Amino acid sequence: FEMHSHVDVTVRQEGELTTARILSAFAEAGRVDASVLAALNVPGCTVRTPTGLHRADDVERIDDLSVLPSAYLGGELSHLTPERWMFGIIETNRGCPYGCTFCDWGSATASRIRKFDLERVFDELEWCAKNGVARIWLADANFGIFERDVEIAEKVADLKRTHGYPKVFGTNYA
């Protein structure tokens, strides 16, 4: 906040539900100004107010990842043409069991890994391939940690053979 005076709100931890709650609060108020920001008390966010920073309570991690909609499968991205895509980002799982000192990922979650449904992962990968997304990046902390990751890699290879995409498949490893 000190270095970026233009930032009024930050979201901590998993952001999907917190961001939706913040946007709902703004919509309810019908505006975004200092008084609305001062009254914003959405768990998982920190807000710059006229009297200083307000850090709302933390939020629980999302246990059931199926509550998170897919922008790929929900149609929100269907209007984009292939040349508009720099890359697609897909999560197959979320979390990290490690607490490595050089990485904030595990220190932020250091608990069990939760998996997205494999059918959803396959459907998202297929959507990307059929829509000419040349580069796919997995947002997983440790691709290869589960046996099913071999199936995912095989699916990507099959999509490349069938559709010509993706051209690049990037991951993070433990």
C-alpha atoms as a PDB file:
ATOM      1  CA  PHE A   1       0.000   0.000   0.000  1.00  0.00           C
ATOM      2  CA  GLU A   2       2.853   2.401   0.776  1.00  0.00           C
ATOM      3  CA  MET A   3       4.485   1.856  -2.604  1.00  0.00           C
ATOM      4  CA  HIS A   4       1.243   1.878  -4.622  1.00  0.00           C
ATOM      5  CA  SER A   5      -1.019   4.721  -3.591  1.00  0.00           C
ATOM      6  CA  HIS A   6      -3.455   3.870  -6.390  1.00  0.00           C
ATOM      7  CA  VAL A   7      -4.342   0.539  -4.741  1.00  0.00           C
ATOM      8  CA  ASP A   8      -7.372   0.732  -2.464  1.00  0.00           C
ATOM      9  CA  VAL A   9      -8.198  -2.950  -1.919  1.00  0.00           C
ATOM     10  CA  THR A  10      -6.138  -6.133  -1.870  1.00  0.00           C
ATOM     11  CA  VAL A  11      -7.389  -9.689  -1.682  1.00  0.00           C
ATOM     12  CA  ARG A  12      -5.555 -12.221   0.444  1.00  0.00           C
ATOM     13  CA  GLN A  13      -5.640 -15.989   0.032  1.00  0.00           C
ATOM     14  CA  GLU A  14      -7.982 -17.472  -2.582  1.00  0.00           C
ATOM     15  CA  GLY A  15      -9.609 -14.580  -4.360  1.00  0.00           C
ATOM     16  CA  GLU A  16     -12.588 -15.776  -6.361  1.00  0.00           C
ATOM     17  CA  LEU A  17     -15.271 -15.605  -3.668  1.00  0.00           C
ATOM     18  CA  THR A  18     -13.734 -12.607  -1.898  1.00  0.00           C
ATOM     19  CA  THR A  19     -13.544 -10.616  -5.136  1.00  0.00           C
ATOM     20  CA  ALA A  20     -17.171 -11.467  -5.942  1.00  0.00           C
ATOM     21  CA  ARG A  21     -18.215 -10.258  -2.464  1.00  0.00           C
ATOM     22  CA  ILE A  22     -16.270  -7.001  -2.892  1.00  0.00           C
ATOM     23  CA  LEU A  23     -17.875  -6.349  -6.279  1.00  0.00           C
ATOM     24  CA  SER A  24     -21.313  -7.126  -4.812  1.00  0.00           C
ATOM     25  CA  ALA A  25     -20.693  -4.599  -2.023  1.00  0.00           C
ATOM     26  CA  PHE A  26     -19.758  -1.963  -4.610  1.00  0.00           C
ATOM     27  CA  ALA A  27     -22.827  -2.793  -6.701  1.00  0.00           C
ATOM     28  CA  GLU A  28     -25.070  -2.610  -3.628  1.00  0.00           C
ATOM     29  CA  ALA A  29     -23.674   0.808  -2.759  1.00  0.00           C
ATOM     30  CA  GLY A  30     -24.046   1.938  -6.362  1.00  0.00           C
ATOM     31  CA  ARG A  31     -20.670   3.624  -6.257  1.00  0.00           C
ATOM     32  CA  VAL A  32     -17.064   3.261  -5.155  1.00  0.00           C
ATOM     33  CA  ASP A  33     -15.767   6.129  -3.083  1.00  0.00           C
ATOM     34  CA  ALA A  34     -13.981   6.748   0.224  1.00  0.00           C
ATOM     35  CA  SER A  35     -17.117   6.184   2.308  1.00  0.00           C
ATOM     36  CA  VAL A  36     -17.885   2.857   0.628  1.00  0.00           C
ATOM     37  CA  LEU A  37     -14.266   1.751   0.999  1.00  0.00           C
ATOM     38  CA  ALA A  38     -14.248   2.792   4.671  1.00  0.00           C
ATOM     39  CA  ALA A  39     -17.291   0.597   5.302  1.00  0.00           C
ATOM     40  CA  LEU A  40     -15.990  -2.386   3.312  1.00  0.00           C
ATOM     41  CA  ASN A  41     -15.479  -5.315   5.664  1.00  0.00           C
ATOM     42  CA  VAL A  42     -15.283  -8.340   3.390  1.00  0.00           C
ATOM     43  CA  PRO A  43     -13.373 -11.285   4.869  1.00  0.00           C
ATOM     44  CA  GLY A  44     -10.152 -11.900   2.958  1.00  0.00           C
ATOM     45  CA  CYS A  45      -9.446  -8.312   1.968  1.00  0.00           C
ATOM     46  CA  THR A  46      -7.426  -5.363   3.211  1.00  0.00           C
ATOM     47  CA  VAL A  47      -8.734  -1.878   2.454  1.00  0.00           C
ATOM     48  CA  ARG A  48      -7.159   1.567   2.439  1.00  0.00           C
ATOM     49  CA  THR A  49      -9.463   3.866   4.423  1.00  0.00           C
ATOM     50  CA  PRO A  50      -9.142   7.567   5.299  1.00  0.00           C
ATOM     51  CA  THR A  51      -7.992   6.531   8.786  1.00  0.00           C
ATOM     52  CA  GLY A  52      -5.526   3.852   7.681  1.00  0.00           C
ATOM     53  CA  LEU A  53      -5.577   0.207   6.624  1.00  0.00           C
ATOM     54  CA  HIS A  54      -8.383  -2.106   7.628  1.00  0.00           C
ATOM     55  CA  ARG A  55      -7.589  -5.825   7.486  1.00  0.00           C
ATOM     56  CA  ALA A  56     -10.772  -7.900   7.528  1.00  0.00           C
ATOM     57  CA  ASP A  57     -10.789 -11.415   8.919  1.00  0.00           C
ATOM     58  CA  ASP A  58      -9.143 -14.206   6.968  1.00  0.00           C
ATOM     59  CA  VAL A  59     -11.309 -16.588   4.943  1.00  0.00           C
ATOM     60  CA  GLU A  60     -11.381 -20.347   5.003  1.00  0.00           C
ATOM     61  CA  ARG A  61      -9.894 -22.152   2.036  1.00  0.00           C
ATOM     62  CA  ILE A  62     -12.374 -23.358  -0.537  1.00  0.00           C
ATOM     63  CA  ASP A  63     -12.743 -27.082   0.074  1.00  0.00           C
ATOM     64  CA  ASP A  64     -15.145 -27.838  -2.772  1.00  0.00           C
ATOM     65  CA  LEU A  65     -13.489 -26.430  -5.891  1.00  0.00           C
ATOM     66  CA  SER A  66     -16.559 -27.305  -7.967  1.00  0.00           C
ATOM     67  CA  VAL A  67     -18.222 -24.133  -6.613  1.00  0.00           C
ATOM     68  CA  LEU A  68     -15.817 -22.118  -8.770  1.00  0.00           C
ATOM     69  CA  PRO A  69     -17.159 -21.633 -12.288  1.00  0.00           C
ATOM     70  CA  SER A  70     -14.947 -22.150 -15.315  1.00  0.00           C
ATOM     71  CA  ALA A  71     -14.545 -19.072 -17.511  1.00  0.00           C
ATOM     72  CA  TYR A  72     -13.670 -21.405 -20.392  1.00  0.00           C
ATOM     73  CA  LEU A  73     -16.689 -23.668 -20.055  1.00  0.00           C
ATOM     74  CA  GLY A  74     -19.109 -20.937 -18.975  1.00  0.00           C
ATOM     75  CA  GLY A  75     -18.758 -19.035 -22.239  1.00  0.00           C
ATOM     76  CA  GLU A  76     -17.189 -15.860 -20.845  1.00  0.00           C
ATOM     77  CA  LEU A  77     -14.191 -16.217 -23.157  1.00  0.00           C
ATOM     78  CA  SER A  78     -15.863 -17.572 -26.280  1.00  0.00           C
ATOM     79  CA  HIS A  79     -15.825 -14.215 -28.067  1.00  0.00           C
ATOM     80  CA  LEU A  80     -12.017 -14.109 -28.140  1.00  0.00           C
ATOM     81  CA  THR A  81     -10.325 -15.152 -31.358  1.00  0.00           C
ATOM     82  CA  PRO A  82      -7.191 -17.345 -31.249  1.00  0.00           C
ATOM     83  CA  GLU A  83      -4.857 -14.466 -32.070  1.00  0.00           C
ATOM     84  CA  ARG A  84      -6.052 -12.696 -28.897  1.00  0.00           C
ATOM     85  CA  TRP A  85      -4.744 -15.494 -26.667  1.00  0.00           C
ATOM     86  CA  MET A  86      -1.269 -15.140 -25.204  1.00  0.00           C
ATOM     87  CA  PHE A  87      -1.906 -18.274 -23.161  1.00  0.00           C
ATOM     88  CA  GLY A  88      -4.584 -20.095 -21.215  1.00  0.00           C
ATOM     89  CA  ILE A  89      -4.200 -20.817 -17.510  1.00  0.00           C
ATOM     90  CA  ILE A  90      -5.766 -23.947 -16.053  1.00  0.00           C
ATOM     91  CA  GLU A  91      -5.730 -25.289 -12.503  1.00  0.00           C
ATOM     92  CA  THR A  92      -5.955 -29.032 -11.997  1.00  0.00           C
ATOM     93  CA  ASN A  93      -5.385 -28.770  -8.261  1.00  0.00           C
ATOM     94  CA  ARG A  94      -4.838 -26.140  -5.616  1.00  0.00           C
ATOM     95  CA  GLY A  95      -2.533 -26.061  -2.635  1.00  0.00           C
ATOM     96  CA  CYS A  96       0.921 -27.243  -1.694  1.00  0.00           C
ATOM     97  CA  PRO A  97       1.955 -29.541   1.142  1.00  0.00           C
ATOM     98  CA  TYR A  98       5.449 -28.068   1.400  1.00  0.00           C
ATOM     99  CA  GLY A  99       6.677 -25.050   3.333  1.00  0.00           C
ATOM    100  CA  CYS A 100       9.817 -24.202   1.362  1.00  0.00           C
ATOM    101  CA  THR A 101      11.535 -21.081   2.654  1.00  0.00           C
ATOM    102  CA  PHE A 102      12.202 -19.764  -0.864  1.00  0.00           C
ATOM    103  CA  CYS A 103       8.550 -20.002  -1.926  1.00  0.00           C
ATOM    104  CA  ASP A 104       5.438 -18.264  -0.677  1.00  0.00           C
ATOM    105  CA  TRP A 105       3.138 -20.841  -2.273  1.00  0.00           C
ATOM    106  CA  GLY A 106       3.481 -23.559   0.332  1.00  0.00           C
ATOM    107  CA  SER A 107       3.850 -21.170   3.239  1.00  0.00           C
ATOM    108  CA  ALA A 108       0.498 -19.687   2.225  1.00  0.00           C
ATOM    109  CA  THR A 109      -1.280 -23.041   2.117  1.00  0.00           C
ATOM    110  CA  ALA A 110       0.971 -25.777   3.568  1.00  0.00           C
ATOM    111  CA  SER A 111      -1.869 -28.234   3.698  1.00  0.00           C
ATOM    112  CA  ARG A 112      -3.596 -30.887   1.684  1.00  0.00           C
ATOM    113  CA  ILE A 113      -3.994 -30.368  -2.022  1.00  0.00           C
ATOM    114  CA  ARG A 114      -7.539 -30.096  -3.340  1.00  0.00           C
ATOM    115  CA  LYS A 115      -8.267 -31.330  -6.860  1.00  0.00           C
ATOM    116  CA  PHE A 116     -10.510 -29.972  -9.564  1.00  0.00           C
ATOM    117  CA  ASP A 117     -12.706 -32.657 -11.121  1.00  0.00           C
ATOM    118  CA  LEU A 118     -10.722 -34.460 -13.815  1.00  0.00           C
ATOM    119  CA  GLU A 119     -13.585 -34.214 -16.325  1.00  0.00           C
ATOM    120  CA  ARG A 120     -13.599 -30.429 -15.879  1.00  0.00           C
ATOM    121  CA  VAL A 121      -9.826 -30.299 -16.396  1.00  0.00           C
ATOM    122  CA  PHE A 122     -10.144 -32.352 -19.586  1.00  0.00           C
ATOM    123  CA  ASP A 123     -13.039 -30.188 -20.823  1.00  0.00           C
ATOM    124  CA  GLU A 124     -11.042 -26.992 -20.208  1.00  0.00           C
ATOM    125  CA  LEU A 125      -8.005 -28.408 -21.993  1.00  0.00           C
ATOM    126  CA  GLU A 126     -10.188 -29.463 -24.898  1.00  0.00           C
ATOM    127  CA  TRP A 127     -11.837 -26.030 -25.046  1.00  0.00           C
ATOM    128  CA  CYS A 128      -8.403 -24.421 -25.266  1.00  0.00           C
ATOM    129  CA  ALA A 129      -7.237 -26.816 -27.993  1.00  0.00           C
ATOM    130  CA  LYS A 130     -10.409 -26.397 -30.065  1.00  0.00           C
ATOM    131  CA  ASN A 131     -10.167 -22.599 -29.727  1.00  0.00           C
ATOM    132  CA  GLY A 132      -6.561 -22.421 -30.881  1.00  0.00           C
ATOM    133  CA  VAL A 133      -4.973 -21.495 -27.559  1.00  0.00           C
ATOM    134  CA  ALA A 134      -1.333 -22.085 -28.441  1.00  0.00           C
ATOM    135  CA  ARG A 135       0.128 -21.985 -24.929  1.00  0.00           C
ATOM    136  CA  ILE A 136      -1.383 -23.512 -21.805  1.00  0.00           C
ATOM    137  CA  TRP A 137       0.095 -22.919 -18.395  1.00  0.00           C
ATOM    138  CA  LEU A 138      -0.955 -25.042 -15.429  1.00  0.00           C
ATOM    139  CA  ALA A 139      -1.355 -22.970 -12.294  1.00  0.00           C
ATOM    140  CA  ASP A 140      -0.612 -25.981 -10.094  1.00  0.00           C
ATOM    141  CA  ALA A 141       2.216 -25.791  -7.583  1.00  0.00           C
ATOM    142  CA  ASN A 142       3.422 -29.350  -8.160  1.00  0.00           C
ATOM    143  CA  PHE A 143       2.404 -30.957 -11.436  1.00  0.00           C
ATOM    144  CA  GLY A 144       3.312 -34.624 -11.264  1.00  0.00           C
ATOM    145  CA  ILE A 145       2.471 -35.030  -7.592  1.00  0.00           C
ATOM    146  CA  PHE A 146      -0.613 -37.165  -8.409  1.00  0.00           C
ATOM    147  CA  GLU A 147      -0.865 -40.284 -10.562  1.00  0.00           C
ATOM    148  CA  ARG A 148      -3.671 -38.619 -12.526  1.00  0.00           C
ATOM    149  CA  ASP A 149      -1.182 -36.025 -13.772  1.00  0.00           C
ATOM    150  CA  VAL A 150       0.067 -38.657 -16.232  1.00  0.00           C
ATOM    151  CA  GLU A 151      -3.494 -38.836 -17.628  1.00  0.00           C
ATOM    152  CA  ILE A 152      -3.545 -35.051 -17.926  1.00  0.00           C
ATOM    153  CA  ALA A 153      -0.233 -35.019 -19.803  1.00  0.00           C
ATOM    154  CA  GLU A 154      -1.526 -37.784 -22.088  1.00  0.00           C
ATOM    155  CA  LYS A 155      -4.691 -35.754 -22.729  1.00  0.00           C
ATOM    156  CA  VAL A 156      -2.613 -32.713 -23.698  1.00  0.00           C
ATOM    157  CA  ALA A 157      -0.549 -34.832 -26.107  1.00  0.00           C
ATOM    158  CA  ASP A 158      -3.734 -36.293 -27.599  1.00  0.00           C
ATOM    159  CA  LEU A 159      -5.225 -32.809 -28.071  1.00  0.00           C
ATOM    160  CA  LYS A 160      -2.022 -31.665 -29.780  1.00  0.00           C
ATOM    161  CA  ARG A 161      -2.224 -34.622 -32.195  1.00  0.00           C
ATOM    162  CA  THR A 162      -5.934 -34.090 -32.851  1.00  0.00           C
ATOM    163  CA  HIS A 163      -6.236 -30.279 -32.985  1.00  0.00           C
ATOM    164  CA  GLY A 164      -2.649 -29.046 -33.335  1.00  0.00           C
ATOM    165  CA  TYR A 165      -2.931 -27.257 -29.988  1.00  0.00           C
ATOM    166  CA  PRO A 166      -1.533 -26.526 -27.518  1.00  0.00           C
ATOM    167  CA  LYS A 167       1.875 -25.793 -28.979  1.00  0.00           C
ATOM    168  CA  VAL A 168       3.362 -25.173 -25.504  1.00  0.00           C
ATOM    169  CA  PHE A 169       2.365 -26.752 -22.190  1.00  0.00           C
ATOM    170  CA  GLY A 170       4.002 -25.238 -19.095  1.00  0.00           C
ATOM    171  CA  THR A 171       3.901 -26.487 -15.525  1.00  0.00           C
ATOM    172  CA  ASN A 172       5.516 -26.104 -12.106  1.00  0.00           C
ATOM    173  CA  TYR A 173       7.176 -29.063 -10.422  1.00  0.00           C
ATOM    174  CA  ALA A 174       7.964 -30.010  -6.855  1.00  0.00           C
END
